[in-house]
Amino acid sequence: MSALTHPAHTLLNELDGFRVEIDEKQQRADIILGRPPFNIISMPQREQLRLVFESLDHDDRVRVIVLRAEGEHFSSGGDIRGFLEASPEHVSRLAWNIAAPERCSKPVIAANRGYCFGVGFEISLACDFRIVTETTRYALPEQKLGQIPGSGGSARLQSMVGIGRTKDIVMRSRRIPGKQAYDWGIALECVGDADLEPATDKLVAELVEFSPLAQRTAKKLLNDSEDCSLSAAIELEGHCYSRLRSSDDFREGVEAFHDKRKAVFVGQ
């Protein structure tokens, strides 16, 4: 009998337009868009990105994932011609692929400079944290093509900034500067362009100090309870708190607090 096969094996043979770097010492993985100057994201690349996020989610060497890009622009968006060539079935998976950072149990940081348009913006919105610079321009320009965002961009944006501001961005194809994105709560931090990498490094170093079990639990809880009623969200929070109560990491955290020493978390 022939061996079972899966398209994932073929998709990961040669990464299209990006690479992955793992720093075991820093417990960090970087997914780096590498098709400058505009880092256009192809159709196959979307599926590969999903598979890479899923792989890194199960990699014990990695605690935090950073999504960044080479050059002066994060990404000007997707391969426009690819939309006309793709089948309806393929197009229907776009949002699922781009939601991979959100589904990943580990913290994901998007480091955005320059153009961050279309799918570049949408995949950044699916990350947990966004750091921008004074050169960053966020946009969902699909109206100019007679289309709408198709990978979750308008939905995620509306949950962050409300319907009025989302209409302003989507229906006018308006570009939002990094400082405005920070003021609106889309970005965690706005820094000088030369400070993007140091700011990202600092956030990674902060996140790896926490219990990986508590981090995974917090991310899942917050994602799952986003659309819940207040009472349901509180109920979910209570169940998660109760489960963590019996973890080794919680015991270590309490003992370290009383011993006035740094806690050493192992994720159990």
C-alpha atoms as a PDB file:
ATOM      1  CA  MET A   1       0.000   0.000   0.000  1.00  0.00           C
ATOM      2  CA  SER A   2       1.375   3.436  -0.913  1.00  0.00           C
ATOM      3  CA  ALA A   3       2.139   5.968   1.810  1.00  0.00           C
ATOM      4  CA  LEU A   4      -0.510   8.504   2.669  1.00  0.00           C
ATOM      5  CA  THR A   5       0.136  11.969   1.334  1.00  0.00           C
ATOM      6  CA  HIS A   6      -1.099  15.422   2.207  1.00  0.00           C
ATOM      7  CA  PRO A   7      -0.775  18.710   0.264  1.00  0.00           C
ATOM      8  CA  ALA A   8       1.056  20.199   3.248  1.00  0.00           C
ATOM      9  CA  HIS A   9       4.156  18.175   2.422  1.00  0.00           C
ATOM     10  CA  THR A  10       4.358  19.725  -1.024  1.00  0.00           C
ATOM     11  CA  LEU A  11       3.495  23.236   0.158  1.00  0.00           C
ATOM     12  CA  LEU A  12       6.326  23.265   2.690  1.00  0.00           C
ATOM     13  CA  ASN A  13       8.994  21.921   0.342  1.00  0.00           C
ATOM     14  CA  GLU A  14       9.897  25.410  -0.799  1.00  0.00           C
ATOM     15  CA  LEU A  15       8.528  28.441   1.009  1.00  0.00           C
ATOM     16  CA  ASP A  16       7.146  31.057  -1.369  1.00  0.00           C
ATOM     17  CA  GLY A  17       8.227  34.582  -0.525  1.00  0.00           C
ATOM     18  CA  PHE A  18       9.147  34.125   3.127  1.00  0.00           C
ATOM     19  CA  ARG A  19      11.482  32.258   5.461  1.00  0.00           C
ATOM     20  CA  VAL A  20      11.500  31.071   9.077  1.00  0.00           C
ATOM     21  CA  GLU A  21      14.276  31.643  11.613  1.00  0.00           C
ATOM     22  CA  ILE A  22      14.303  30.009  15.057  1.00  0.00           C
ATOM     23  CA  ASP A  23      16.427  31.325  17.915  1.00  0.00           C
ATOM     24  CA  GLU A  24      16.358  28.607  20.564  1.00  0.00           C
ATOM     25  CA  LYS A  25      18.202  30.736  23.115  1.00  0.00           C
ATOM     26  CA  GLN A  26      15.590  33.497  22.861  1.00  0.00           C
ATOM     27  CA  GLN A  27      12.781  30.905  22.502  1.00  0.00           C
ATOM     28  CA  ARG A  28      11.628  32.841  19.488  1.00  0.00           C
ATOM     29  CA  ALA A  29      10.642  32.159  15.889  1.00  0.00           C
ATOM     30  CA  ASP A  30      10.598  34.828  13.175  1.00  0.00           C
ATOM     31  CA  ILE A  31       8.455  34.485  10.065  1.00  0.00           C
ATOM     32  CA  ILE A  32      10.033  36.938   7.645  1.00  0.00           C
ATOM     33  CA  LEU A  33       8.319  38.132   4.473  1.00  0.00           C
ATOM     34  CA  GLY A  34      11.140  38.203   1.947  1.00  0.00           C
ATOM     35  CA  ARG A  35       9.899  39.520  -1.360  1.00  0.00           C
ATOM     36  CA  PRO A  36      10.942  43.193  -1.188  1.00  0.00           C
ATOM     37  CA  PRO A  37      10.354  45.947  -1.954  1.00  0.00           C
ATOM     38  CA  PHE A  38       6.614  45.388  -1.417  1.00  0.00           C
ATOM     39  CA  ASN A  39       6.480  41.808  -0.076  1.00  0.00           C
ATOM     40  CA  ILE A  40       3.430  40.890  -2.137  1.00  0.00           C
ATOM     41  CA  ILE A  41       1.750  37.799  -0.680  1.00  0.00           C
ATOM     42  CA  SER A  42       0.903  35.106  -3.229  1.00  0.00           C
ATOM     43  CA  MET A  43      -1.978  32.635  -3.053  1.00  0.00           C
ATOM     44  CA  PRO A  44       0.272  29.619  -2.247  1.00  0.00           C
ATOM     45  CA  GLN A  45       2.084  31.717   0.343  1.00  0.00           C
ATOM     46  CA  ARG A  46      -1.134  32.151   2.326  1.00  0.00           C
ATOM     47  CA  GLU A  47      -1.497  28.410   2.797  1.00  0.00           C
ATOM     48  CA  GLN A  48       2.182  28.024   3.579  1.00  0.00           C
ATOM     49  CA  LEU A  49       1.965  30.712   6.241  1.00  0.00           C
ATOM     50  CA  ARG A  50      -0.905  28.838   7.877  1.00  0.00           C
ATOM     51  CA  LEU A  51       1.043  25.572   7.875  1.00  0.00           C
ATOM     52  CA  VAL A  52       4.137  27.256   9.310  1.00  0.00           C
ATOM     53  CA  PHE A  53       2.131  28.817  12.155  1.00  0.00           C
ATOM     54  CA  GLU A  54       0.614  25.406  12.902  1.00  0.00           C
ATOM     55  CA  SER A  55       4.071  23.806  12.887  1.00  0.00           C
ATOM     56  CA  LEU A  56       5.583  26.448  15.170  1.00  0.00           C
ATOM     57  CA  ASP A  57       2.648  26.076  17.538  1.00  0.00           C
ATOM     58  CA  HIS A  58       3.864  22.513  18.227  1.00  0.00           C
ATOM     59  CA  ASP A  59       7.574  23.377  18.382  1.00  0.00           C
ATOM     60  CA  ASP A  60       8.806  23.196  21.982  1.00  0.00           C
ATOM     61  CA  ARG A  61      11.772  25.445  21.160  1.00  0.00           C
ATOM     62  CA  VAL A  62       9.459  28.378  20.468  1.00  0.00           C
ATOM     63  CA  ARG A  63       7.607  30.488  23.020  1.00  0.00           C
ATOM     64  CA  VAL A  64       6.894  33.625  20.960  1.00  0.00           C
ATOM     65  CA  ILE A  65       6.428  34.155  17.214  1.00  0.00           C
ATOM     66  CA  VAL A  66       7.276  37.368  15.368  1.00  0.00           C
ATOM     67  CA  LEU A  67       5.857  38.177  11.929  1.00  0.00           C
ATOM     68  CA  ARG A  68       8.036  40.762  10.177  1.00  0.00           C
ATOM     69  CA  ALA A  69       9.379  41.685   6.758  1.00  0.00           C
ATOM     70  CA  GLU A  70      12.500  42.626   4.849  1.00  0.00           C
ATOM     71  CA  GLY A  71      12.836  46.150   3.526  1.00  0.00           C
ATOM     72  CA  GLU A  72      10.917  49.358   4.048  1.00  0.00           C
ATOM     73  CA  HIS A  73       7.409  47.888   3.605  1.00  0.00           C
ATOM     74  CA  PHE A  74       5.712  45.075   5.517  1.00  0.00           C
ATOM     75  CA  SER A  75       3.433  44.160   2.606  1.00  0.00           C
ATOM     76  CA  SER A  76       1.491  46.090  -0.010  1.00  0.00           C
ATOM     77  CA  GLY A  77      -1.040  43.251  -0.115  1.00  0.00           C
ATOM     78  CA  GLY A  78      -1.817  40.169  -2.135  1.00  0.00           C
ATOM     79  CA  ASP A  79      -1.186  39.108  -5.708  1.00  0.00           C
ATOM     80  CA  ILE A  80      -4.193  40.754  -7.387  1.00  0.00           C
ATOM     81  CA  ARG A  81      -4.166  38.533 -10.476  1.00  0.00           C
ATOM     82  CA  GLY A  82      -4.189  35.496  -8.227  1.00  0.00           C
ATOM     83  CA  PHE A  83      -7.760  36.284  -7.178  1.00  0.00           C
ATOM     84  CA  LEU A  84      -9.009  35.918 -10.745  1.00  0.00           C
ATOM     85  CA  GLU A  85      -7.087  32.692 -11.280  1.00  0.00           C
ATOM     86  CA  ALA A  86      -8.053  31.008  -7.991  1.00  0.00           C
ATOM     87  CA  SER A  87     -11.043  28.691  -7.737  1.00  0.00           C
ATOM     88  CA  PRO A  88     -14.045  29.640  -5.570  1.00  0.00           C
ATOM     89  CA  GLU A  89     -13.096  26.816  -3.191  1.00  0.00           C
ATOM     90  CA  HIS A  90      -9.573  28.198  -2.831  1.00  0.00           C
ATOM     91  CA  VAL A  91     -10.836  31.718  -2.243  1.00  0.00           C
ATOM     92  CA  SER A  92     -13.211  30.460   0.445  1.00  0.00           C
ATOM     93  CA  ARG A  93     -10.180  29.348   2.500  1.00  0.00           C
ATOM     94  CA  LEU A  94      -8.495  32.751   2.485  1.00  0.00           C
ATOM     95  CA  ALA A  95      -9.864  33.870   5.853  1.00  0.00           C
ATOM     96  CA  TRP A  96      -9.046  30.509   7.478  1.00  0.00           C
ATOM     97  CA  ASN A  97      -5.418  30.698   6.365  1.00  0.00           C
ATOM     98  CA  ILE A  98      -4.970  34.306   7.462  1.00  0.00           C
ATOM     99  CA  ALA A  99      -6.513  33.550  10.874  1.00  0.00           C
ATOM    100  CA  ALA A 100      -3.604  31.196  11.672  1.00  0.00           C
ATOM    101  CA  PRO A 101      -1.850  33.664  14.043  1.00  0.00           C
ATOM    102  CA  GLU A 102      -5.082  34.016  16.015  1.00  0.00           C
ATOM    103  CA  ARG A 103      -5.552  30.242  16.301  1.00  0.00           C
ATOM    104  CA  CYS A 104      -1.925  29.725  17.317  1.00  0.00           C
ATOM    105  CA  SER A 105      -1.763  29.165  21.078  1.00  0.00           C
ATOM    106  CA  LYS A 106       1.468  31.148  21.443  1.00  0.00           C
ATOM    107  CA  PRO A 107       1.822  34.949  21.495  1.00  0.00           C
ATOM    108  CA  VAL A 108       2.288  36.394  18.002  1.00  0.00           C
ATOM    109  CA  ILE A 109       3.737  39.863  17.351  1.00  0.00           C
ATOM    110  CA  ALA A 110       3.415  41.723  14.041  1.00  0.00           C
ATOM    111  CA  ALA A 111       6.220  44.227  13.424  1.00  0.00           C
ATOM    112  CA  ASN A 112       4.814  46.654  10.819  1.00  0.00           C
ATOM    113  CA  ARG A 113       6.657  49.388   8.947  1.00  0.00           C
ATOM    114  CA  GLY A 114       5.819  51.085   5.683  1.00  0.00           C
ATOM    115  CA  TYR A 115       2.900  49.812   3.621  1.00  0.00           C
ATOM    116  CA  CYS A 116       0.681  47.304   5.405  1.00  0.00           C
ATOM    117  CA  PHE A 117      -2.200  46.959   2.963  1.00  0.00           C
ATOM    118  CA  GLY A 118      -4.843  44.358   2.220  1.00  0.00           C
ATOM    119  CA  VAL A 119      -3.851  40.895   3.356  1.00  0.00           C
ATOM    120  CA  GLY A 120      -0.737  42.400   4.978  1.00  0.00           C
ATOM    121  CA  PHE A 121      -3.024  44.362   7.285  1.00  0.00           C
ATOM    122  CA  GLU A 122      -5.433  41.457   7.722  1.00  0.00           C
ATOM    123  CA  ILE A 123      -2.803  38.978   8.892  1.00  0.00           C
ATOM    124  CA  SER A 124      -1.391  41.638  11.225  1.00  0.00           C
ATOM    125  CA  LEU A 125      -4.864  42.130  12.722  1.00  0.00           C
ATOM    126  CA  ALA A 126      -4.973  38.374  13.391  1.00  0.00           C
ATOM    127  CA  CYS A 127      -1.810  38.677  15.519  1.00  0.00           C
ATOM    128  CA  ASP A 128      -1.946  39.387  19.257  1.00  0.00           C
ATOM    129  CA  PHE A 129       0.234  42.492  19.224  1.00  0.00           C
ATOM    130  CA  ARG A 130       1.072  45.052  16.549  1.00  0.00           C
ATOM    131  CA  ILE A 131       4.051  47.395  16.802  1.00  0.00           C
ATOM    132  CA  VAL A 132       4.088  50.191  14.220  1.00  0.00           C
ATOM    133  CA  THR A 133       6.431  53.006  13.224  1.00  0.00           C
ATOM    134  CA  GLU A 134       5.966  56.540  11.990  1.00  0.00           C
ATOM    135  CA  THR A 135       6.227  55.186   8.416  1.00  0.00           C
ATOM    136  CA  THR A 136       3.470  52.595   8.825  1.00  0.00           C
ATOM    137  CA  ARG A 137       0.369  52.957   6.701  1.00  0.00           C
ATOM    138  CA  TYR A 138      -2.512  50.577   7.355  1.00  0.00           C
ATOM    139  CA  ALA A 139      -5.160  50.188   4.644  1.00  0.00           C
ATOM    140  CA  LEU A 140      -7.861  47.902   3.273  1.00  0.00           C
ATOM    141  CA  PRO A 141      -7.972  49.222  -0.314  1.00  0.00           C
ATOM    142  CA  GLU A 142     -10.209  46.534  -1.856  1.00  0.00           C
ATOM    143  CA  GLN A 143     -12.942  49.050  -2.758  1.00  0.00           C
ATOM    144  CA  LYS A 144     -10.596  50.376  -5.439  1.00  0.00           C
ATOM    145  CA  LEU A 145     -10.797  46.931  -7.081  1.00  0.00           C
ATOM    146  CA  GLY A 146     -14.563  46.654  -6.774  1.00  0.00           C
ATOM    147  CA  GLN A 147     -14.192  44.258  -3.845  1.00  0.00           C
ATOM    148  CA  ILE A 148     -14.284  44.111  -0.064  1.00  0.00           C
ATOM    149  CA  PRO A 149     -11.732  42.647   2.401  1.00  0.00           C
ATOM    150  CA  GLY A 150     -11.971  38.859   2.227  1.00  0.00           C
ATOM    151  CA  SER A 151      -9.671  37.560   4.954  1.00  0.00           C
ATOM    152  CA  GLY A 152     -11.328  38.860   8.100  1.00  0.00           C
ATOM    153  CA  GLY A 153      -9.969  42.394   7.964  1.00  0.00           C
ATOM    154  CA  SER A 154     -13.186  44.378   8.239  1.00  0.00           C
ATOM    155  CA  ALA A 155     -14.617  42.072  10.916  1.00  0.00           C
ATOM    156  CA  ARG A 156     -11.548  42.209  13.158  1.00  0.00           C
ATOM    157  CA  LEU A 157     -11.149  45.926  12.634  1.00  0.00           C
ATOM    158  CA  GLN A 158     -14.771  46.603  13.560  1.00  0.00           C
ATOM    159  CA  SER A 159     -14.386  44.675  16.821  1.00  0.00           C
ATOM    160  CA  MET A 160     -11.341  46.825  17.645  1.00  0.00           C
ATOM    161  CA  VAL A 161     -12.395  50.337  16.605  1.00  0.00           C
ATOM    162  CA  GLY A 162     -16.168  50.220  16.004  1.00  0.00           C
ATOM    163  CA  ILE A 163     -18.342  50.459  12.935  1.00  0.00           C
ATOM    164  CA  GLY A 164     -17.823  54.171  12.236  1.00  0.00           C
ATOM    165  CA  ARG A 165     -14.047  54.054  12.020  1.00  0.00           C
ATOM    166  CA  THR A 166     -14.176  50.763  10.134  1.00  0.00           C
ATOM    167  CA  LYS A 167     -16.470  52.294   7.504  1.00  0.00           C
ATOM    168  CA  ASP A 168     -14.043  55.203   7.261  1.00  0.00           C
ATOM    169  CA  ILE A 169     -11.167  52.806   6.520  1.00  0.00           C
ATOM    170  CA  VAL A 170     -12.972  50.219   4.374  1.00  0.00           C
ATOM    171  CA  MET A 171     -15.493  52.249   2.383  1.00  0.00           C
ATOM    172  CA  ARG A 172     -13.033  55.075   1.625  1.00  0.00           C
ATOM    173  CA  SER A 173      -9.962  52.831   1.187  1.00  0.00           C
ATOM    174  CA  ARG A 174      -8.263  55.245   3.555  1.00  0.00           C
ATOM    175  CA  ARG A 175      -4.673  54.890   4.739  1.00  0.00           C
ATOM    176  CA  ILE A 176      -4.176  55.118   8.498  1.00  0.00           C
ATOM    177  CA  PRO A 177      -0.752  56.346   9.729  1.00  0.00           C
ATOM    178  CA  GLY A 178       1.001  54.426  12.472  1.00  0.00           C
ATOM    179  CA  LYS A 179       0.439  57.109  15.096  1.00  0.00           C
ATOM    180  CA  GLN A 180      -3.290  57.161  14.384  1.00  0.00           C
ATOM    181  CA  ALA A 181      -3.412  53.360  14.553  1.00  0.00           C
ATOM    182  CA  TYR A 182      -1.820  53.602  17.993  1.00  0.00           C
ATOM    183  CA  ASP A 183      -4.254  56.321  19.094  1.00  0.00           C
ATOM    184  CA  TRP A 184      -7.192  54.174  17.945  1.00  0.00           C
ATOM    185  CA  GLY A 185      -5.941  51.112  19.818  1.00  0.00           C
ATOM    186  CA  ILE A 186      -5.081  49.061  16.726  1.00  0.00           C
ATOM    187  CA  ALA A 187      -1.369  49.080  17.576  1.00  0.00           C
ATOM    188  CA  LEU A 188       0.249  48.385  20.920  1.00  0.00           C
ATOM    189  CA  GLU A 189       3.095  50.840  20.355  1.00  0.00           C
ATOM    190  CA  CYS A 190       4.275  53.416  17.797  1.00  0.00           C
ATOM    191  CA  VAL A 191       8.037  53.922  17.616  1.00  0.00           C
ATOM    192  CA  GLY A 192      10.620  55.536  15.374  1.00  0.00           C
ATOM    193  CA  ASP A 193      11.394  53.507  12.273  1.00  0.00           C
ATOM    194  CA  ALA A 194      14.870  52.597  13.528  1.00  0.00           C
ATOM    195  CA  ASP A 195      13.391  51.443  16.832  1.00  0.00           C
ATOM    196  CA  LEU A 196      11.041  48.781  15.452  1.00  0.00           C
ATOM    197  CA  GLU A 197      13.424  45.870  15.949  1.00  0.00           C
ATOM    198  CA  PRO A 198      14.516  46.900  19.491  1.00  0.00           C
ATOM    199  CA  ALA A 199      10.869  47.407  20.505  1.00  0.00           C
ATOM    200  CA  THR A 200       9.995  43.984  19.129  1.00  0.00           C
ATOM    201  CA  ASP A 201      12.943  42.366  20.899  1.00  0.00           C
ATOM    202  CA  LYS A 202      11.885  43.984  24.167  1.00  0.00           C
ATOM    203  CA  LEU A 203       8.329  42.652  23.894  1.00  0.00           C
ATOM    204  CA  VAL A 204       9.572  39.148  23.069  1.00  0.00           C
ATOM    205  CA  ALA A 205      11.890  39.199  26.091  1.00  0.00           C
ATOM    206  CA  GLU A 206       8.984  40.271  28.297  1.00  0.00           C
ATOM    207  CA  LEU A 207       6.588  37.606  27.055  1.00  0.00           C
ATOM    208  CA  VAL A 208       8.982  34.664  27.436  1.00  0.00           C
ATOM    209  CA  GLU A 209       9.309  35.424  31.147  1.00  0.00           C
ATOM    210  CA  PHE A 210       5.708  34.403  31.816  1.00  0.00           C
ATOM    211  CA  SER A 211       4.313  30.917  32.233  1.00  0.00           C
ATOM    212  CA  PRO A 212       3.664  29.476  28.755  1.00  0.00           C
ATOM    213  CA  LEU A 213       0.655  27.640  30.187  1.00  0.00           C
ATOM    214  CA  ALA A 214      -0.814  30.840  31.589  1.00  0.00           C
ATOM    215  CA  GLN A 215      -0.079  32.668  28.316  1.00  0.00           C
ATOM    216  CA  ARG A 216      -1.857  30.015  26.234  1.00  0.00           C
ATOM    217  CA  THR A 217      -4.789  30.025  28.620  1.00  0.00           C
ATOM    218  CA  ALA A 218      -5.098  33.822  28.608  1.00  0.00           C
ATOM    219  CA  LYS A 219      -4.981  34.007  24.803  1.00  0.00           C
ATOM    220  CA  LYS A 220      -7.604  31.317  24.322  1.00  0.00           C
ATOM    221  CA  LEU A 221      -9.844  32.764  27.008  1.00  0.00           C
ATOM    222  CA  LEU A 222      -9.716  36.271  25.545  1.00  0.00           C
ATOM    223  CA  ASN A 223     -10.307  35.031  21.993  1.00  0.00           C
ATOM    224  CA  ASP A 224     -13.160  32.732  23.014  1.00  0.00           C
ATOM    225  CA  SER A 225     -14.902  35.278  25.225  1.00  0.00           C
ATOM    226  CA  GLU A 226     -14.639  38.254  22.860  1.00  0.00           C
ATOM    227  CA  ASP A 227     -18.225  37.876  21.610  1.00  0.00           C
ATOM    228  CA  CYS A 228     -19.678  36.472  24.840  1.00  0.00           C
ATOM    229  CA  SER A 229     -21.979  38.202  27.249  1.00  0.00           C
ATOM    230  CA  LEU A 230     -20.311  39.524  30.386  1.00  0.00           C
ATOM    231  CA  SER A 231     -21.743  36.722  32.535  1.00  0.00           C
ATOM    232  CA  ALA A 232     -20.575  34.032  30.087  1.00  0.00           C
ATOM    233  CA  ALA A 233     -17.099  35.594  29.865  1.00  0.00           C
ATOM    234  CA  ILE A 234     -16.814  35.661  33.661  1.00  0.00           C
ATOM    235  CA  GLU A 235     -17.897  32.018  33.812  1.00  0.00           C
ATOM    236  CA  LEU A 236     -15.245  31.020  31.269  1.00  0.00           C
ATOM    237  CA  GLU A 237     -12.633  33.006  33.157  1.00  0.00           C
ATOM    238  CA  GLY A 238     -13.516  31.180  36.358  1.00  0.00           C
ATOM    239  CA  HIS A 239     -13.105  27.762  34.744  1.00  0.00           C
ATOM    240  CA  CYS A 240      -9.725  28.729  33.284  1.00  0.00           C
ATOM    241  CA  TYR A 241      -8.570  30.126  36.626  1.00  0.00           C
ATOM    242  CA  SER A 242      -9.629  26.920  38.354  1.00  0.00           C
ATOM    243  CA  ARG A 243      -7.651  24.746  35.917  1.00  0.00           C
ATOM    244  CA  LEU A 244      -4.507  26.848  36.302  1.00  0.00           C
ATOM    245  CA  ARG A 245      -4.867  26.648  40.085  1.00  0.00           C
ATOM    246  CA  SER A 246      -3.537  23.063  40.006  1.00  0.00           C
ATOM    247  CA  SER A 247      -0.629  23.744  37.630  1.00  0.00           C
ATOM    248  CA  ASP A 248       3.036  23.460  38.573  1.00  0.00           C
ATOM    249  CA  ASP A 249       3.620  26.915  37.113  1.00  0.00           C
ATOM    250  CA  PHE A 250       1.107  28.509  39.476  1.00  0.00           C
ATOM    251  CA  ARG A 251       2.725  26.794  42.452  1.00  0.00           C
ATOM    252  CA  GLU A 252       6.142  27.982  41.253  1.00  0.00           C
ATOM    253  CA  GLY A 253       4.842  31.529  40.810  1.00  0.00           C
ATOM    254  CA  VAL A 254       3.440  31.641  44.347  1.00  0.00           C
ATOM    255  CA  GLU A 255       6.559  30.142  45.900  1.00  0.00           C
ATOM    256  CA  ALA A 256       8.835  32.489  43.952  1.00  0.00           C
ATOM    257  CA  PHE A 257       6.746  35.461  45.078  1.00  0.00           C
ATOM    258  CA  HIS A 258       7.080  34.490  48.739  1.00  0.00           C
ATOM    259  CA  ASP A 259      10.784  33.643  48.357  1.00  0.00           C
ATOM    260  CA  LYS A 260      11.379  36.991  46.618  1.00  0.00           C
ATOM    261  CA  ARG A 261      13.078  35.321  43.639  1.00  0.00           C
ATOM    262  CA  LYS A 262      12.478  35.071  39.927  1.00  0.00           C
ATOM    263  CA  ALA A 263      10.029  32.348  38.961  1.00  0.00           C
ATOM    264  CA  VAL A 264      11.135  29.601  36.589  1.00  0.00           C
ATOM    265  CA  PHE A 265       8.143  28.482  34.548  1.00  0.00           C
ATOM    266  CA  VAL A 266       8.115  25.256  32.533  1.00  0.00           C
ATOM    267  CA  GLY A 267       4.621  25.272  31.060  1.00  0.00           C
ATOM    268  CA  GLN A 268       3.026  22.583  33.218  1.00  0.00           C
END
